[in-house]
Protein backbone atom coordinates (compact mmCIF):
# COMPACT_ATOMS: atom_id res chain seq x y z
CA MET A 1 -72.30 78.43 4.48
CA PRO A 2 -74.49 81.89 3.81
CA ALA A 3 -75.73 83.48 7.02
CA LEU A 4 -78.87 82.58 7.91
CA GLY A 5 -79.90 85.49 10.58
CA SER A 6 -81.59 84.94 13.63
CA ARG A 7 -84.48 82.41 12.53
CA ALA A 8 -82.53 79.40 12.44
CA GLY A 9 -81.46 80.15 16.43
CA TYR A 10 -85.11 81.21 17.05
CA ARG A 11 -86.05 77.89 15.79
CA ASP A 12 -83.61 75.90 17.72
CA MET A 13 -84.76 77.67 20.98
CA LYS A 14 -88.39 77.12 20.36
CA LEU A 15 -87.57 73.41 19.42
CA PHE A 16 -85.62 72.95 22.61
CA ILE A 17 -88.47 74.24 24.66
CA ASP A 18 -90.81 71.62 23.11
CA GLY A 19 -88.53 68.58 23.92
CA LEU A 20 -87.72 69.98 27.26
CA GLY A 21 -90.03 67.79 29.37
CA ASP A 22 -89.76 70.25 32.36
CA ALA A 23 -93.28 71.97 32.35
CA VAL A 24 -92.17 74.75 34.52
CA LEU A 25 -88.96 75.72 32.70
CA GLY A 26 -90.46 75.42 29.46
CA ASP A 27 -93.50 77.89 30.76
CA ARG A 28 -91.08 80.02 31.41
CA LEU A 29 -88.70 80.04 28.50
CA ARG A 30 -92.05 79.99 26.16
CA ILE A 31 -92.66 83.56 27.95
CA ALA A 32 -88.98 84.82 27.51
CA VAL A 33 -88.89 84.25 23.67
CA GLY A 34 -91.95 86.40 23.32
CA GLY A 35 -91.39 89.86 21.75
CA ARG A 36 -88.07 91.70 21.17
CA GLY A 37 -85.22 90.42 23.36
CA ALA A 38 -85.89 86.95 23.29
CA PHE A 39 -82.42 85.64 23.00
CA ARG A 40 -81.20 87.76 26.29
CA ARG A 41 -84.55 86.87 28.12
CA PHE A 42 -83.82 82.76 27.10
CA LYS A 43 -80.07 82.94 28.07
CA ASP A 44 -81.42 84.89 31.50
CA VAL A 45 -83.72 82.10 31.86
CA LEU A 46 -81.66 78.86 31.24
CA ALA A 47 -78.71 80.90 33.53
CA CYS A 48 -80.58 79.58 36.43
CA ASP A 49 -80.40 76.17 35.71
CA GLU A 50 -76.72 74.65 34.77
CA CYS A 51 -77.98 71.51 33.53
CA ALA A 52 -80.53 73.05 31.08
CA TRP A 53 -77.87 75.40 29.81
CA ARG A 54 -75.37 72.49 29.35
CA ARG A 55 -78.31 70.65 27.63
CA TYR A 56 -79.30 73.88 25.30
CA HIS A 57 -75.80 74.01 24.51
CA ARG A 58 -75.35 70.56 23.16
CA PHE A 59 -78.74 70.60 21.41
CA CYS A 60 -77.52 73.99 19.47
CA ASP A 61 -74.23 72.69 18.48
CA GLU A 62 -75.79 69.32 17.10
CA ARG A 63 -78.29 71.80 15.09
CA GLN A 64 -75.68 73.62 13.78
CA ARG A 65 -73.62 71.01 12.81
CA GLY A 66 -77.00 69.39 10.66
CA ARG A 67 -77.39 72.68 8.85
CA ALA A 68 -73.51 72.80 8.05
CA ARG A 69 -73.70 69.10 6.89
CA ALA A 70 -77.21 70.05 4.93
CA TRP A 71 -75.50 73.16 3.36
CA LEU A 72 -72.40 70.80 2.12
CA ALA A 73 -74.95 68.46 0.66
CA GLU A 74 -76.35 70.73 -1.19
CA GLU A 75 -73.25 72.30 -2.48
CA GLY A 76 -72.28 68.28 -3.64
CA TYR A 77 -69.78 67.56 -0.85
CA CYS A 78 -70.24 64.08 0.37
CA PRO A 79 -68.60 62.74 3.02
CA ARG A 80 -66.35 59.60 2.59
CA LEU A 81 -65.41 56.95 5.18
CA PRO A 82 -61.93 56.44 5.78
CA VAL A 83 -60.24 53.75 4.41
CA LEU A 84 -59.20 51.12 6.67
CA ARG A 85 -55.69 49.53 5.52
CA ARG A 86 -54.79 45.91 6.94
CA THR A 87 -51.54 46.00 8.42
CA VAL A 88 -49.68 42.39 7.92
CA GLY A 89 -48.96 41.01 11.63
CA PRO A 90 -45.45 39.14 12.18
């Protein structure tokens, strides 16, 4: 999978903030992502809220899996469901 640089990670931070539902934390994070050092400031703000920290990492993990799936599909890979085999009982 080709490297996407920091754009995808920055977009993930912005999307997370938009879906957060906590106005106070959202405002602090919006300020944190402005300018150089955005990733460090964002993580520093999140570190103060363990629940939001875990939620952000679950969100990012899913976004990364989605990007990987999209890349695999573009490369022609397509998932197959496992074949269920019937077993003959006694």
